[in-house]
Amino acid sequence: MWGRAFVTAYKSVKVASSIAESKPTVILQRFHLLTGSSRLLSADFIRTFSRYMSSEAKRIRAENMTGKKIGTHNGTFHCDEVLACFFLRQLPEYKDAEIIRTRDPAQLAECDIVVDVGGEFDPKRHRYDHHQRTFSETFNSLYPEKPWVTKLSSAGLIYVHFGRRLLTQLTELKEDDKQLEVLYDKLYENFVEEVDAVDNGISQYDGEARYSVSTMLSARVGHLNPRWNSGSQDTEEPFKKALKLVGEEFLDRLDFYKSSWLPARTLVEEAVKQRHQIDPSGEVVLFSQGGCPWKEHLFALEKDLQVETPIKFVLYADQNGQWRIQCVPAGLNTYQNRLSLLEEWRGVRDEALSQLSGIKGCIFVHAGGFIGGNKTQEGVLEMARRTLQAAGQSPANGSS
């Protein structure tokens, strides 16, 4: 009798969509309603039924779970595997993945993807360790069209293989969008490569450093580990803090590059393409608005657009509605200019400069010759043209 009642109750309740969430007492109440029985159930039946339903609910929940497992090593954590785990957690298939921190090969074998542990690099099997003696991969070795030759850590490996998809998830850009590829490169060069180099012990330069840098991301992640003489050496909670730290920093950097850096590149690219409309020489570009960080973009775009004659001057309006002319430096990290403003103008201001140059509306030329000002767009353009003309007669002008 009770066996039949048991089966009836179980079948009736299984129909309900909330079986895995319901408490046994609630299910028993449903049993009364479904069967119309007013007979009191025995204490033994209730206990047996409750135990059965509790284990059954757990089984059903386990069967319905589709979450994946990300494997990485336990113990002291480093920035590279923390960042790698953060990257993976941004992808749909790993969004709710459990991070298994262990060095046990048996547990790692059960993980869907393993980073920074296991002694194996095999993208087909989603194994991304870089500690094995045979590993020497760089961005360039995996993708020869990319220039970076820093040995990859687990962060770089995950970024190289999943970075484009990661960025499509975090931005509104499509994977085949040219701007997404620009972001992909920029974030490796200015964020991930540093983590790769630090983890692999690659110096930024030869020789002894004049001072130490202790506030970089990798160092801040390292400081979250338990101190050697701390009473607790548990790294699970500190690892979660590190995951939050690297995630917030990466997302902040991504937002900057997408919302500020990338629009600046678009503005500079348009100006470079239209340079011959500003001056037939093609050596002068004009920005419709000032404040745009242009130098890095200009050098990169000259290469991308195969600009044959290097650009010498940039013109833009300042915050007061007046105009500036700025010399293009010979490189990003030098004070040398491709072509400086005329030597005789330097340090002269206002009307005296206008009379000396024969150009109306002059405001100043810096004593260093790298920047000048005029009240109008036509005025700064004329300053550029006069300097170019003089350089044509005396090539040595551009040496300072």
Protein backbone atom coordinates (compact mmCIF):
# COMPACT_ATOMS: atom_id res chain seq x y z
CA MET A 1 0.00 0.00 0.00
CA TRP A 2 2.64 2.44 1.05
CA GLY A 3 4.83 1.42 -1.86
CA ARG A 4 2.01 2.31 -4.26
CA ALA A 5 1.44 5.61 -2.41
CA PHE A 6 5.12 6.34 -2.57
CA VAL A 7 5.28 5.85 -6.34
CA THR A 8 2.10 7.88 -6.82
CA ALA A 9 3.49 10.76 -4.76
CA TYR A 10 6.82 10.70 -6.56
CA LYS A 11 5.32 10.63 -10.06
CA SER A 12 2.87 13.38 -9.17
CA VAL A 13 5.52 15.65 -7.77
CA LYS A 14 8.02 14.97 -10.56
CA VAL A 15 5.59 16.57 -12.95
CA ALA A 16 6.02 19.83 -11.08
CA SER A 17 8.77 22.00 -12.47
CA SER A 18 10.00 22.96 -9.03
CA ILE A 19 10.92 19.47 -7.86
CA ALA A 20 14.58 20.24 -7.37
CA GLU A 21 13.75 23.32 -5.32
CA SER A 22 10.90 22.02 -3.17
CA LYS A 23 11.14 20.92 0.43
CA PRO A 24 9.86 17.40 1.30
CA THR A 25 7.12 18.84 3.55
CA VAL A 26 5.80 20.93 0.68
CA ILE A 27 5.83 17.89 -1.60
CA LEU A 28 3.86 15.90 0.96
CA GLN A 29 1.27 18.65 1.08
CA ARG A 30 1.00 18.41 -2.70
CA PHE A 31 0.60 14.64 -2.32
CA HIS A 32 -2.51 15.19 -0.15
CA LEU A 33 -3.96 17.55 -2.71
CA LEU A 34 -3.17 15.39 -5.72
CA THR A 35 -4.46 12.14 -4.22
CA GLY A 36 -7.35 13.60 -2.24
CA SER A 37 -6.19 11.53 0.73
CA SER A 38 -7.02 12.73 4.20
CA ARG A 39 -5.31 9.75 5.86
CA LEU A 40 -2.46 10.72 8.10
CA LEU A 41 0.93 9.49 6.96
CA SER A 42 3.12 7.51 9.34
CA ALA A 43 6.27 9.01 10.81
CA ASP A 44 8.39 6.27 9.19
CA PHE A 45 6.92 7.01 5.77
CA ILE A 46 7.55 10.74 6.15
CA ARG A 47 11.17 10.19 7.17
CA THR A 48 11.78 7.71 4.33
CA PHE A 49 10.04 9.93 1.79
CA SER A 50 11.93 13.02 2.95
CA ARG A 51 15.31 11.30 2.68
CA TYR A 52 14.45 9.96 -0.76
CA MET A 53 13.26 13.30 -2.10
CA SER A 54 16.26 15.13 -0.66
CA SER A 55 18.70 12.81 -2.42
CA GLU A 56 16.58 12.84 -5.58
CA ALA A 57 16.57 16.65 -5.69
CA LYS A 58 20.35 16.68 -5.35
CA ARG A 59 20.67 14.14 -8.16
CA ILE A 60 18.42 16.16 -10.46
CA ARG A 61 20.29 19.37 -9.71
CA ALA A 62 23.58 17.63 -10.45
CA GLU A 63 22.23 16.26 -13.73
CA ASN A 64 20.96 19.69 -14.78
CA MET A 65 24.23 21.49 -14.03
CA THR A 66 26.08 22.54 -17.19
CA GLY A 67 28.80 24.61 -15.50
CA LYS A 68 32.36 24.02 -16.60
CA LYS A 69 35.55 23.81 -14.56
CA ILE A 70 38.62 25.99 -14.92
CA GLY A 71 41.74 24.41 -13.45
CA THR A 72 44.75 26.28 -12.10
CA HIS A 73 47.32 25.66 -9.37
CA ASN A 74 46.71 26.13 -5.67
CA GLY A 75 49.03 27.78 -3.16
CA THR A 76 50.67 31.12 -3.90
CA PHE A 77 48.92 32.78 -6.83
CA HIS A 78 50.32 35.15 -9.43
CA CYS A 79 48.89 37.80 -11.69
CA ASP A 80 49.07 35.70 -14.85
CA GLU A 81 46.74 32.86 -13.84
CA VAL A 82 44.40 35.25 -12.01
CA LEU A 83 44.09 37.34 -15.17
CA ALA A 84 43.71 34.20 -17.30
CA CYS A 85 40.83 33.02 -15.10
CA PHE A 86 39.21 36.45 -15.29
CA PHE A 87 39.44 36.42 -19.09
CA LEU A 88 37.80 33.00 -19.28
CA ARG A 89 35.01 34.00 -16.90
CA GLN A 90 33.97 36.72 -19.41
CA LEU A 91 33.17 34.11 -22.07
CA PRO A 92 29.67 32.58 -22.21
CA GLU A 93 30.88 28.99 -21.86
CA TYR A 94 32.92 29.77 -18.73
CA LYS A 95 30.73 32.49 -17.22
CA ASP A 96 29.62 30.30 -14.31
CA ALA A 97 32.63 27.99 -14.32
CA GLU A 98 34.03 26.79 -11.02
CA ILE A 99 37.72 27.55 -10.55
CA ILE A 100 39.47 24.42 -9.26
CA ARG A 101 42.78 25.31 -7.62
CA THR A 102 44.89 22.17 -7.35
CA ARG A 103 48.03 20.42 -8.58
CA ASP A 104 46.42 16.98 -8.50
CA PRO A 105 46.62 15.57 -12.06
CA ALA A 106 43.43 13.56 -11.53
CA GLN A 107 41.42 16.67 -10.61
CA LEU A 108 42.99 18.71 -13.40
CA ALA A 109 42.07 15.99 -15.89
CA GLU A 110 38.41 16.56 -15.03
CA CYS A 111 38.63 20.28 -15.80
CA ASP A 112 37.40 21.64 -19.11
CA ILE A 113 40.33 24.04 -19.37
CA VAL A 114 43.58 24.27 -17.40
CA VAL A 115 45.83 27.32 -17.07
CA ASP A 116 49.31 27.79 -15.56
CA VAL A 117 49.66 24.22 -14.32
CA GLY A 118 49.86 20.70 -15.70
CA GLY A 119 53.03 21.00 -17.78
CA GLU A 120 51.18 20.98 -21.08
CA PHE A 121 50.40 23.44 -23.87
CA ASP A 122 47.77 22.01 -26.20
CA PRO A 123 45.08 24.46 -27.41
CA LYS A 124 43.04 21.61 -28.94
CA ARG A 125 42.64 20.12 -25.46
CA HIS A 126 42.46 23.52 -23.75
CA ARG A 127 45.68 23.05 -21.79
CA TYR A 128 47.59 26.32 -21.33
CA ASP A 129 50.69 25.94 -19.17
CA HIS A 130 53.98 27.70 -19.92
CA HIS A 131 56.35 26.28 -17.29
CA GLN A 132 57.54 23.21 -19.18
CA ARG A 133 61.11 23.29 -20.47
CA THR A 134 60.00 22.87 -24.06
CA PHE A 135 57.75 25.94 -24.00
CA SER A 136 59.03 29.06 -25.76
CA GLU A 137 55.96 30.45 -27.46
CA THR A 138 55.43 34.16 -28.03
CA PHE A 139 52.63 36.11 -29.70
CA ASN A 140 54.87 36.34 -32.76
CA SER A 141 55.65 32.61 -32.87
CA LEU A 142 51.95 31.73 -32.76
CA TYR A 143 50.88 34.54 -35.08
CA PRO A 144 53.86 35.69 -37.20
CA GLU A 145 52.02 38.82 -38.33
CA LYS A 146 52.16 40.14 -34.76
CA PRO A 147 55.42 41.78 -33.56
CA TRP A 148 55.63 40.81 -29.86
CA VAL A 149 58.38 38.37 -28.90
CA THR A 150 57.95 38.29 -25.10
CA LYS A 151 57.52 34.74 -23.84
CA LEU A 152 53.86 34.12 -23.03
CA SER A 153 52.52 33.35 -19.57
CA SER A 154 49.12 31.79 -18.97
CA ALA A 155 47.57 35.28 -19.25
CA GLY A 156 49.09 35.81 -22.68
CA LEU A 157 48.17 32.32 -23.84
CA ILE A 158 44.52 32.79 -22.95
CA TYR A 159 44.48 36.29 -24.42
CA VAL A 160 46.08 35.16 -27.69
CA HIS A 161 43.59 32.33 -28.12
CA PHE A 162 40.43 33.92 -26.70
CA GLY A 163 41.14 37.67 -26.74
CA ARG A 164 39.08 38.60 -29.76
CA ARG A 165 36.04 36.75 -28.44
CA LEU A 166 36.65 38.29 -25.03
CA LEU A 167 36.54 41.78 -26.51
CA THR A 168 33.37 41.08 -28.49
CA GLN A 169 31.73 40.14 -25.20
CA LEU A 170 32.93 43.28 -23.44
CA THR A 171 32.30 45.74 -26.27
CA GLU A 172 29.70 46.20 -28.99
CA LEU A 173 32.28 45.49 -31.68
CA LYS A 174 32.11 42.46 -33.97
CA GLU A 175 35.03 40.05 -34.25
CA ASP A 176 35.73 41.08 -37.85
CA ASP A 177 35.63 44.80 -37.01
CA LYS A 178 38.93 46.56 -37.77
CA GLN A 179 38.64 48.58 -34.56
CA LEU A 180 38.35 45.40 -32.49
CA GLU A 181 41.65 44.17 -33.95
CA VAL A 182 43.25 47.50 -33.02
CA LEU A 183 41.97 47.12 -29.45
CA TYR A 184 43.13 43.50 -29.36
CA ASP A 185 46.68 44.55 -30.24
CA LYS A 186 46.70 47.60 -27.97
CA LEU A 187 45.53 45.74 -24.87
CA TYR A 188 48.17 43.09 -25.35
CA GLU A 189 50.94 45.64 -25.85
CA ASN A 190 49.87 47.92 -23.00
CA PHE A 191 48.43 45.48 -20.47
CA VAL A 192 48.93 41.76 -20.99
CA GLU A 193 52.53 41.76 -22.25
CA GLU A 194 53.70 43.33 -18.98
CA VAL A 195 52.09 40.49 -17.03
CA ASP A 196 53.74 37.94 -19.35
CA ALA A 197 57.17 39.52 -18.92
CA VAL A 198 56.96 39.85 -15.13
CA ASP A 199 55.81 36.26 -14.66
CA ASN A 200 58.56 34.93 -16.91
CA GLY A 201 61.25 37.07 -15.25
CA ILE A 202 62.06 39.10 -18.36
CA SER A 203 63.72 42.45 -17.65
CA GLN A 204 62.36 45.55 -19.29
CA TYR A 205 65.89 46.67 -20.16
CA ASP A 206 69.52 45.65 -19.70
CA GLY A 207 71.57 46.89 -16.75
CA GLU A 208 70.72 47.67 -13.15
CA ALA A 209 67.55 49.62 -12.47
CA ARG A 210 67.88 53.04 -10.83
CA TYR A 211 64.73 52.47 -8.76
CA SER A 212 62.25 49.68 -8.06
CA VAL A 213 58.66 49.56 -9.29
CA SER A 214 56.48 47.95 -6.62
CA THR A 215 52.99 49.17 -7.55
CA MET A 216 52.47 47.41 -10.88
CA LEU A 217 49.52 45.05 -11.22
CA SER A 218 51.59 41.89 -10.81
CA ALA A 219 53.11 43.25 -7.58
CA ARG A 220 49.71 44.22 -6.17
CA VAL A 221 48.38 40.74 -6.89
CA GLY A 222 51.42 39.22 -5.21
CA HIS A 223 50.87 41.30 -2.08
CA LEU A 224 47.44 39.73 -1.64
CA ASN A 225 49.00 36.34 -0.84
CA PRO A 226 49.25 35.45 2.86
CA ARG A 227 52.42 36.70 4.51
CA TRP A 228 54.99 34.02 5.20
CA ASN A 229 54.55 34.34 8.96
CA SER A 230 50.76 34.68 8.95
CA GLY A 231 48.80 32.26 11.11
CA SER A 232 46.66 31.28 8.10
CA GLN A 233 48.13 30.27 4.76
CA ASP A 234 44.74 29.85 3.08
CA THR A 235 44.86 31.41 -0.40
CA GLU A 236 41.26 30.86 -1.52
CA GLU A 237 39.79 34.16 -0.31
CA PRO A 238 42.88 36.20 -1.33
CA PHE A 239 42.64 34.59 -4.78
CA LYS A 240 39.06 35.87 -5.10
CA LYS A 241 40.24 39.36 -4.13
CA ALA A 242 42.95 39.14 -6.78
CA LEU A 243 40.39 38.05 -9.36
CA LYS A 244 38.32 41.13 -8.56
CA LEU A 245 41.38 43.39 -8.65
CA VAL A 246 42.66 42.31 -12.06
CA GLY A 247 39.14 42.27 -13.48
CA GLU A 248 38.38 45.83 -12.46
CA GLU A 249 41.73 47.07 -13.74
CA PHE A 250 41.41 45.33 -17.11
CA LEU A 251 37.85 46.56 -17.62
CA ASP A 252 38.90 50.11 -16.71
CA ARG A 253 41.75 49.95 -19.24
CA LEU A 254 39.44 48.49 -21.89
CA ASP A 255 36.94 51.29 -21.30
CA PHE A 256 39.69 53.90 -21.72
CA TYR A 257 40.97 52.42 -24.97
CA LYS A 258 37.49 51.95 -26.41
CA SER A 259 35.96 55.26 -25.27
CA SER A 260 38.96 57.61 -25.54
CA TRP A 261 41.99 56.09 -27.25
CA LEU A 262 40.13 54.54 -30.18
CA PRO A 263 38.09 57.69 -31.04
CA ALA A 264 41.36 59.64 -31.02
CA ARG A 265 42.83 57.19 -33.52
CA THR A 266 39.79 57.63 -35.76
CA LEU A 267 40.20 61.41 -35.63
CA VAL A 268 43.91 61.22 -36.46
CA GLU A 269 43.32 58.74 -39.29
CA GLU A 270 40.78 61.05 -40.90
CA ALA A 271 43.18 63.99 -40.60
CA VAL A 272 46.04 62.02 -42.16
CA LYS A 273 43.86 60.95 -45.09
CA GLN A 274 42.79 64.56 -45.72
CA ARG A 275 46.26 66.10 -45.30
CA HIS A 276 46.66 66.97 -48.99
CA GLN A 277 43.49 69.07 -48.77
CA ILE A 278 45.15 71.17 -46.06
CA ASP A 279 48.43 71.64 -47.91
CA PRO A 280 49.59 70.11 -51.22
CA SER A 281 52.84 68.99 -49.57
CA GLY A 282 50.96 66.44 -47.46
CA GLU A 283 53.23 67.38 -44.56
CA VAL A 284 50.59 69.21 -42.50
CA VAL A 285 47.54 67.72 -40.77
CA LEU A 286 44.69 69.61 -39.12
CA PHE A 287 42.45 68.50 -36.27
CA SER A 288 39.00 70.02 -35.97
CA GLN A 289 39.30 69.96 -32.18
CA GLY A 290 42.20 70.22 -29.78
CA GLY A 291 43.17 68.01 -26.88
CA CYS A 292 43.36 64.85 -28.96
CA PRO A 293 46.38 62.66 -28.06
CA TRP A 294 47.78 62.28 -31.56
CA LYS A 295 51.47 61.35 -31.46
CA GLU A 296 51.25 57.60 -30.95
CA HIS A 297 48.45 57.30 -33.50
CA LEU A 298 50.25 59.43 -36.07
CA PHE A 299 53.37 57.26 -36.08
CA ALA A 300 51.31 54.06 -36.30
CA LEU A 301 49.04 55.37 -39.05
CA GLU A 302 51.94 56.60 -41.17
CA LYS A 303 53.04 52.97 -41.32
CA ASP A 304 49.57 51.52 -41.79
CA LEU A 305 48.63 54.02 -44.52
CA GLN A 306 52.12 53.89 -46.08
CA VAL A 307 52.69 57.64 -45.88
CA GLU A 308 55.79 58.28 -47.99
CA THR A 309 56.62 61.85 -46.92
CA PRO A 310 56.71 62.14 -43.12
CA ILE A 311 54.23 64.62 -41.64
CA LYS A 312 55.96 67.63 -40.09
CA PHE A 313 53.24 69.75 -38.46
CA VAL A 314 49.94 69.34 -36.63
CA LEU A 315 47.42 72.22 -36.46
CA TYR A 316 44.58 72.42 -33.96
CA ALA A 317 42.36 74.90 -32.10
CA ASP A 318 43.06 75.43 -28.40
CA GLN A 319 40.52 75.89 -25.60
CA ASN A 320 40.42 79.66 -26.18
CA GLY A 321 39.49 79.35 -29.82
CA GLN A 322 42.96 80.32 -30.99
CA TRP A 323 45.20 78.06 -33.07
CA ARG A 324 48.36 76.13 -32.40
CA ILE A 325 51.02 74.66 -34.64
CA GLN A 326 52.99 71.79 -33.16
CA CYS A 327 56.00 70.07 -34.65
CA VAL A 328 55.92 66.30 -35.07
CA PRO A 329 58.77 64.78 -33.00
CA ALA A 330 61.27 62.43 -34.58
CA GLY A 331 59.96 59.66 -32.31
CA LEU A 332 57.67 59.04 -29.37
CA ASN A 333 60.39 59.36 -26.75
CA THR A 334 62.49 62.19 -28.09
CA TYR A 335 62.44 65.99 -27.96
CA GLN A 336 63.98 66.18 -31.41
CA ASN A 337 61.60 67.38 -34.14
CA ARG A 338 61.30 66.26 -37.71
CA LEU A 339 61.27 69.94 -38.55
CA SER A 340 61.35 72.78 -36.01
CA LEU A 341 59.80 76.20 -36.49
CA LEU A 342 62.18 78.84 -37.82
CA GLU A 343 65.02 79.69 -35.48
CA GLU A 344 64.57 83.45 -35.82
CA TRP A 345 60.94 83.19 -34.61
CA ARG A 346 61.76 81.37 -31.40
CA GLY A 347 61.08 83.25 -28.20
CA VAL A 348 59.39 86.14 -30.04
CA ARG A 349 55.77 87.07 -29.29
CA ASP A 350 52.68 88.90 -30.52
CA GLU A 351 53.09 91.93 -32.79
CA ALA A 352 56.87 91.65 -32.83
CA LEU A 353 56.53 88.11 -34.17
CA SER A 354 53.92 89.18 -36.74
CA GLN A 355 56.23 91.90 -38.04
CA LEU A 356 59.24 89.58 -38.07
CA SER A 357 57.44 86.76 -39.89
CA GLY A 358 55.13 88.87 -42.04
CA ILE A 359 52.19 86.75 -40.82
CA LYS A 360 49.23 88.50 -39.19
CA GLY A 361 47.85 87.40 -35.81
CA CYS A 362 50.95 85.69 -34.44
CA ILE A 363 50.91 84.97 -30.70
CA PHE A 364 54.18 83.17 -29.94
CA VAL A 365 56.78 80.61 -30.92
CA HIS A 366 58.33 78.67 -28.06
CA ALA A 367 62.04 79.12 -27.47
CA GLY A 368 62.46 75.40 -28.15
CA GLY A 369 60.89 75.80 -31.59
CA PHE A 370 58.46 72.89 -31.13
CA ILE A 371 55.20 74.84 -30.85
CA GLY A 372 53.69 78.18 -31.83
CA GLY A 373 50.39 80.02 -31.88
CA ASN A 374 48.28 82.29 -34.05
CA LYS A 375 44.82 83.78 -33.75
CA THR A 376 43.56 82.03 -36.89
CA GLN A 377 43.75 78.72 -38.72
CA GLU A 378 45.10 80.52 -41.76
CA GLY A 379 47.85 82.02 -39.61
CA VAL A 380 49.23 78.71 -38.25
CA LEU A 381 48.97 77.16 -41.72
CA GLU A 382 51.05 80.00 -43.10
CA MET A 383 53.62 79.47 -40.32
CA ALA A 384 53.89 75.83 -41.39
CA ARG A 385 54.24 76.72 -45.06
CA ARG A 386 56.94 79.31 -44.44
CA THR A 387 58.91 76.80 -42.37
CA LEU A 388 58.60 74.13 -45.07
CA GLN A 389 59.69 76.59 -47.72
CA ALA A 390 62.73 77.60 -45.67
CA ALA A 391 63.59 73.94 -45.08
CA GLY A 392 63.54 73.39 -48.83
CA GLN A 393 66.20 76.09 -49.22
CA SER A 394 68.14 74.96 -46.11
CA PRO A 395 67.64 71.25 -45.24
CA ALA A 396 69.60 71.58 -42.00
CA ASN A 397 66.67 73.48 -40.44
CA GLY A 398 65.03 70.31 -39.17
CA SER A 399 67.89 69.17 -36.99
CA SER A 400 66.70 70.71 -33.71
